[in-house]
Amino acid sequence: MYKDILVHIPTERPMRCAIEGSISLAAQFNAHLDAVAIGYVATSAAYVMEGGAAVAAVFELERERAVERAEAALAVFGIEAANAGISYGCRALGAIPVDAAGSLGEMARLHDLSVVLQPDPAQGSFDNDVPREILFQAGGPVLFLPYTFHGAFKAGRIGICWDGSRLAARAVHDAAPFLARADEIVIITINEADAAPDEASANGLARHLGRRGLSTRTVGLSATRADIQPTILSLAADEGLDLLVMGGYGHSRLQERVLGGVTRAMLQAMTVPTLMSH
């Protein structure tokens, strides 16, 4: 059960999606919601720290202004959370991007679920990098809300993107609280005959979920590798799905986060809230 949820509130992008989605989610699960917002200190400012007391004071002033920006974002969140009557907490940070990413990852590890906003490539901001960092560092499920999302979050109709992999299985286990409340669950396979292992087939997943009292149906599709993500989103639209559940593929290379092709494409063009686990 999700009883302790973390949400990242953007400071350099529209925040309404994250606020509305996370608060309604916390209300549904009667969960505590911790909101964190980050005012970013320019990376160049960090390099003046060794230049003496005067330049160190300039850096500290910049950090204080960054915290003020974060607090302003959280003030909006706090009003909405208080009106909703949920249990919540707020934390404002002022940090250079690399330090902010580390702090967010550490916070996410002590929450049942993290909620973030889909990156928007049209808006250049470190807020766009935060979702990917949390996915890699959290060690738990991350719910991505499309930047077009509005209103209350719901997960009545859920699609599970299943390929029999460890990451897909992790995502299914992490989504258990959503699945238990779902009105309908659709298991989505792409090229299953070529991809899914025999002992972890879609039929096997259906039997497993059935033993938990969950009714499912399976939709098997074919697509080229380049068309997997649009095929999934097309099915989600046709089926009226509220939530997709999938593994978050990727790896770290020379301190760089490298997302898998389908995961990267989903983050670029998602139209449905998506729970990912890495």
Protein backbone atom coordinates (compact mmCIF):
# COMPACT_ATOMS: atom_id res chain seq x y z
CA MET A 1 0.00 0.00 0.00
CA TYR A 2 1.21 3.51 -0.75
CA LYS A 3 1.26 5.29 2.60
CA ASP A 4 4.26 7.57 2.12
CA ILE A 5 4.45 9.43 -1.21
CA LEU A 6 7.02 11.91 -2.52
CA VAL A 7 6.27 14.50 -5.20
CA HIS A 8 8.70 16.79 -6.98
CA ILE A 9 7.19 20.25 -7.49
CA PRO A 10 8.86 22.06 -10.42
CA THR A 11 10.12 25.59 -9.88
CA GLU A 12 10.98 26.42 -13.50
CA ARG A 13 8.01 24.77 -15.22
CA PRO A 14 4.23 24.82 -14.71
CA MET A 15 3.52 22.97 -11.48
CA ARG A 16 -0.27 22.52 -11.52
CA CYS A 17 -0.14 18.99 -12.99
CA ALA A 18 2.15 17.70 -10.26
CA ILE A 19 0.16 19.38 -7.50
CA GLU A 20 -3.28 18.20 -8.61
CA GLY A 21 -2.16 14.68 -9.48
CA SER A 22 -0.18 14.00 -6.31
CA ILE A 23 -2.72 15.48 -3.89
CA SER A 24 -5.62 13.52 -5.37
CA LEU A 25 -3.49 10.37 -5.29
CA ALA A 26 -2.57 10.86 -1.63
CA ALA A 27 -6.24 11.45 -0.78
CA GLN A 28 -7.27 8.18 -2.48
CA PHE A 29 -4.76 6.14 -0.48
CA ASN A 30 -5.07 8.17 2.72
CA ALA A 31 -1.31 8.61 2.44
CA HIS A 32 1.17 11.17 3.70
CA LEU A 33 2.55 13.34 0.88
CA ASP A 34 5.98 14.97 1.04
CA ALA A 35 6.59 17.71 -1.51
CA VAL A 36 10.09 18.83 -2.45
CA ALA A 37 10.94 21.81 -4.64
CA ILE A 38 14.40 22.88 -5.77
CA GLY A 39 15.69 26.30 -6.61
CA TYR A 40 18.71 25.68 -8.79
CA VAL A 41 21.99 27.44 -8.16
CA ALA A 42 23.95 28.03 -11.36
CA THR A 43 26.72 25.45 -11.63
CA SER A 44 29.26 28.21 -12.32
CA ALA A 45 28.51 29.75 -8.94
CA ALA A 46 29.83 26.66 -7.18
CA TYR A 47 33.30 27.16 -8.63
CA VAL A 48 33.81 30.49 -6.89
CA MET A 49 33.67 28.87 -3.47
CA GLU A 50 37.46 28.64 -3.28
CA GLY A 51 37.96 32.27 -4.22
CA GLY A 52 37.71 33.62 -0.70
CA ALA A 53 35.09 34.89 1.72
CA ALA A 54 33.68 37.52 -0.62
CA VAL A 55 32.86 35.18 -3.48
CA ALA A 56 31.66 32.53 -1.02
CA ALA A 57 29.19 35.10 0.25
CA VAL A 58 27.98 35.64 -3.31
CA PHE A 59 27.38 31.91 -3.67
CA GLU A 60 25.47 31.81 -0.39
CA LEU A 61 23.30 34.72 -1.51
CA GLU A 62 22.51 32.88 -4.72
CA ARG A 63 21.62 29.76 -2.73
CA GLU A 64 19.28 31.75 -0.47
CA ARG A 65 17.51 33.18 -3.52
CA ALA A 66 17.18 29.66 -4.92
CA VAL A 67 15.57 28.47 -1.70
CA GLU A 68 13.13 31.39 -1.89
CA ARG A 69 12.08 30.25 -5.36
CA ALA A 70 11.51 26.75 -4.05
CA GLU A 71 9.50 28.04 -1.10
CA ALA A 72 7.30 30.07 -3.44
CA ALA A 73 6.43 26.91 -5.38
CA LEU A 74 5.72 25.01 -2.19
CA ALA A 75 3.45 27.77 -0.92
CA VAL A 76 1.10 27.03 -3.83
CA PHE A 77 1.27 23.31 -3.07
CA GLY A 78 0.66 23.88 0.63
CA ILE A 79 -2.56 25.80 0.06
CA GLU A 80 -3.97 23.03 -2.15
CA ALA A 81 -2.84 20.25 0.22
CA ALA A 82 -4.36 21.98 3.23
CA ASN A 83 -7.65 22.49 1.39
CA ALA A 84 -7.69 18.78 0.51
CA GLY A 85 -7.23 17.82 4.16
CA ILE A 86 -4.33 15.43 3.54
CA SER A 87 -1.26 14.82 5.69
CA TYR A 88 1.68 16.56 4.01
CA GLY A 89 5.14 18.02 4.45
CA CYS A 90 7.24 20.47 2.43
CA ARG A 91 10.95 20.78 1.86
CA ALA A 92 12.65 23.55 -0.09
CA LEU A 93 16.19 23.07 -1.40
CA GLY A 94 18.67 25.41 -3.00
CA ALA A 95 21.47 23.49 -4.70
CA ILE A 96 23.49 23.00 -7.83
CA PRO A 97 21.90 20.38 -10.10
CA VAL A 98 24.19 17.46 -9.27
CA ASP A 99 23.68 17.89 -5.53
CA ALA A 100 19.93 18.33 -5.99
CA ALA A 101 19.71 15.07 -7.94
CA GLY A 102 21.51 13.19 -5.18
CA SER A 103 19.28 14.60 -2.46
CA LEU A 104 16.11 13.74 -4.37
CA GLY A 105 17.28 10.19 -4.96
CA GLU A 106 17.98 9.72 -1.26
CA MET A 107 14.54 11.05 -0.32
CA ALA A 108 12.80 8.83 -2.86
CA ARG A 109 14.35 5.68 -1.35
CA LEU A 110 12.35 6.20 1.83
CA HIS A 111 8.97 6.62 0.13
CA ASP A 112 6.58 4.03 -1.26
CA LEU A 113 6.05 5.97 -4.48
CA SER A 114 7.56 9.03 -6.16
CA VAL A 115 5.51 11.33 -8.40
CA VAL A 116 7.19 13.44 -11.08
CA LEU A 117 6.22 15.43 -14.14
CA GLN A 118 7.08 14.23 -17.63
CA PRO A 119 10.06 16.15 -19.06
CA ASP A 120 9.16 18.86 -21.54
CA PRO A 121 11.91 19.28 -24.16
CA ALA A 122 10.40 22.60 -25.21
CA GLN A 123 11.40 24.09 -21.86
CA GLY A 124 15.10 24.08 -21.02
CA SER A 125 15.35 23.44 -17.28
CA PHE A 126 16.99 21.07 -14.84
CA ASP A 127 13.42 20.25 -13.82
CA ASN A 128 13.44 18.14 -17.00
CA ASP A 129 16.33 16.02 -15.71
CA VAL A 130 14.86 15.35 -12.27
CA PRO A 131 12.38 12.63 -13.34
CA ARG A 132 15.11 10.55 -14.98
CA GLU A 133 17.40 10.95 -11.97
CA ILE A 134 14.69 9.82 -9.57
CA LEU A 135 13.92 6.80 -11.76
CA PHE A 136 17.57 5.70 -11.61
CA GLN A 137 18.15 6.47 -7.95
CA ALA A 138 14.87 5.80 -6.13
CA GLY A 139 14.96 2.01 -5.90
CA GLY A 140 11.17 2.03 -6.12
CA PRO A 141 8.25 2.97 -8.38
CA VAL A 142 8.04 6.36 -10.06
CA LEU A 143 4.74 7.71 -11.38
CA PHE A 144 5.24 10.00 -14.38
CA LEU A 145 2.41 12.45 -15.06
CA PRO A 146 2.18 13.87 -18.60
CA TYR A 147 2.70 17.63 -18.70
CA THR A 148 -0.73 17.79 -20.34
CA PHE A 149 -2.30 16.11 -17.30
CA HIS A 150 -4.97 17.99 -15.37
CA GLY A 151 -7.52 17.26 -12.69
CA ALA A 152 -7.63 14.37 -10.24
CA PHE A 153 -5.58 11.23 -10.78
CA LYS A 154 -7.45 7.97 -11.30
CA ALA A 155 -6.37 4.46 -12.25
CA GLY A 156 -9.59 2.60 -13.01
CA ARG A 157 -8.31 1.08 -16.26
CA ILE A 158 -4.69 -0.10 -16.19
CA GLY A 159 -2.45 -1.42 -18.94
CA ILE A 160 0.55 -3.61 -18.04
CA CYS A 161 3.31 -3.51 -20.66
CA TRP A 162 4.64 -7.05 -20.36
CA ASP A 163 7.72 -8.61 -21.92
CA GLY A 164 8.56 -11.13 -19.20
CA SER A 165 11.66 -9.20 -18.08
CA ARG A 166 12.87 -8.53 -14.56
CA LEU A 167 12.04 -4.83 -14.88
CA ALA A 168 8.51 -5.53 -16.11
CA ALA A 169 7.99 -7.90 -13.19
CA ARG A 170 9.34 -5.30 -10.77
CA ALA A 171 6.90 -2.74 -12.15
CA VAL A 172 3.96 -5.13 -11.73
CA HIS A 173 4.88 -5.81 -8.11
CA ASP A 174 5.38 -2.10 -7.45
CA ALA A 175 1.98 -1.32 -8.99
CA ALA A 176 0.14 -3.80 -6.74
CA PRO A 177 -1.81 -1.11 -4.83
CA PHE A 178 -3.11 0.32 -8.11
CA LEU A 179 -3.90 -3.11 -9.55
CA ALA A 180 -5.87 -4.11 -6.47
CA ARG A 181 -8.21 -1.14 -6.99
CA ALA A 182 -8.51 -1.34 -10.77
CA ASP A 183 -11.79 -1.83 -12.59
CA GLU A 184 -10.03 -3.45 -15.55
CA ILE A 185 -6.49 -4.68 -16.22
CA VAL A 186 -5.17 -5.18 -19.75
CA ILE A 187 -1.92 -7.10 -20.26
CA ILE A 188 -0.20 -5.64 -23.34
CA THR A 189 2.38 -7.67 -25.22
CA ILE A 190 4.40 -6.65 -28.27
CA ASN A 191 5.90 -9.41 -30.42
CA GLU A 192 5.53 -11.84 -27.52
CA ALA A 193 6.44 -14.91 -29.55
CA ASP A 194 9.86 -13.39 -30.20
CA ALA A 195 10.45 -11.58 -26.91
CA ALA A 196 8.84 -13.08 -23.80
CA PRO A 197 10.43 -16.08 -22.07
CA ASP A 198 8.25 -19.20 -21.91
CA GLU A 199 8.16 -19.29 -18.11
CA ALA A 200 7.16 -15.63 -17.85
CA SER A 201 4.52 -15.38 -20.56
CA ALA A 202 1.48 -13.09 -20.56
CA ASN A 203 -0.69 -16.14 -19.81
CA GLY A 204 1.50 -16.91 -16.83
CA LEU A 205 1.14 -13.34 -15.58
CA ALA A 206 -2.64 -13.56 -15.99
CA ARG A 207 -2.70 -16.75 -13.89
CA HIS A 208 -0.52 -15.12 -11.24
CA LEU A 209 -2.74 -12.05 -10.98
CA GLY A 210 -5.82 -14.27 -11.02
CA ARG A 211 -4.61 -15.95 -7.85
CA ARG A 212 -4.70 -12.51 -6.28
CA GLY A 213 -8.33 -12.19 -7.32
CA LEU A 214 -7.54 -9.87 -10.23
CA SER A 215 -9.30 -10.36 -13.55
CA THR A 216 -7.27 -9.54 -16.67
CA ARG A 217 -7.38 -9.82 -20.42
CA THR A 218 -4.45 -9.88 -22.82
CA VAL A 219 -3.93 -7.91 -26.01
CA GLY A 220 -1.07 -9.11 -28.18
CA LEU A 221 0.31 -6.77 -30.84
CA SER A 222 3.09 -6.73 -33.40
CA ALA A 223 5.35 -3.76 -34.08
CA THR A 224 8.81 -2.88 -35.29
CA ARG A 225 11.18 -1.69 -32.58
CA ALA A 226 10.74 1.92 -33.64
CA ASP A 227 6.95 1.60 -33.42
CA ILE A 228 6.64 -0.06 -30.00
CA GLN A 229 6.02 3.15 -28.05
CA PRO A 230 3.43 4.65 -30.45
CA THR A 231 1.72 1.25 -30.66
CA ILE A 232 1.36 1.14 -26.88
CA LEU A 233 0.02 4.69 -26.69
CA SER A 234 -2.41 4.03 -29.55
CA LEU A 235 -3.78 1.02 -27.69
CA ALA A 236 -3.98 3.06 -24.47
CA ALA A 237 -6.13 5.62 -26.28
CA ASP A 238 -8.35 2.97 -27.88
CA GLU A 239 -8.85 1.22 -24.54
CA GLY A 240 -9.31 4.43 -22.54
CA LEU A 241 -6.52 3.45 -20.14
CA ASP A 242 -5.85 5.68 -17.14
CA LEU A 243 -2.44 4.25 -16.26
CA LEU A 244 0.37 2.29 -17.91
CA VAL A 245 2.73 0.06 -15.91
CA MET A 246 6.13 -0.73 -17.41
CA GLY A 247 9.78 -1.32 -16.66
CA GLY A 248 12.06 1.70 -16.86
CA TYR A 249 14.99 0.53 -18.97
CA GLY A 250 18.38 2.16 -18.99
CA HIS A 251 21.84 2.19 -17.42
CA SER A 252 24.53 4.49 -16.10
CA ARG A 253 27.60 5.08 -18.26
CA LEU A 254 30.46 7.35 -17.26
CA GLN A 255 28.17 9.24 -14.86
CA GLU A 256 25.59 9.64 -17.65
CA ARG A 257 22.06 8.27 -17.40
CA VAL A 258 21.23 6.41 -20.60
CA LEU A 259 17.58 5.44 -21.08
CA GLY A 260 16.47 2.53 -23.23
CA GLY A 261 14.82 3.37 -26.54
CA VAL A 262 11.21 2.59 -25.61
CA THR A 263 11.56 4.22 -22.18
CA ARG A 264 13.08 7.36 -23.70
CA ALA A 265 10.38 7.54 -26.36
CA MET A 266 7.65 7.10 -23.72
CA LEU A 267 9.00 9.96 -21.63
CA GLN A 268 9.14 12.17 -24.71
CA ALA A 269 5.61 11.50 -25.92
CA MET A 270 3.52 10.00 -23.11
CA THR A 271 -0.19 10.76 -23.13
CA VAL A 272 -1.15 8.57 -20.17
CA PRO A 273 0.25 8.56 -16.60
CA THR A 274 2.90 5.85 -16.48
CA LEU A 275 4.35 3.97 -13.52
CA MET A 276 7.93 2.85 -14.12
CA SER A 277 10.37 0.84 -12.04
CA HIS A 278 14.08 0.59 -12.75
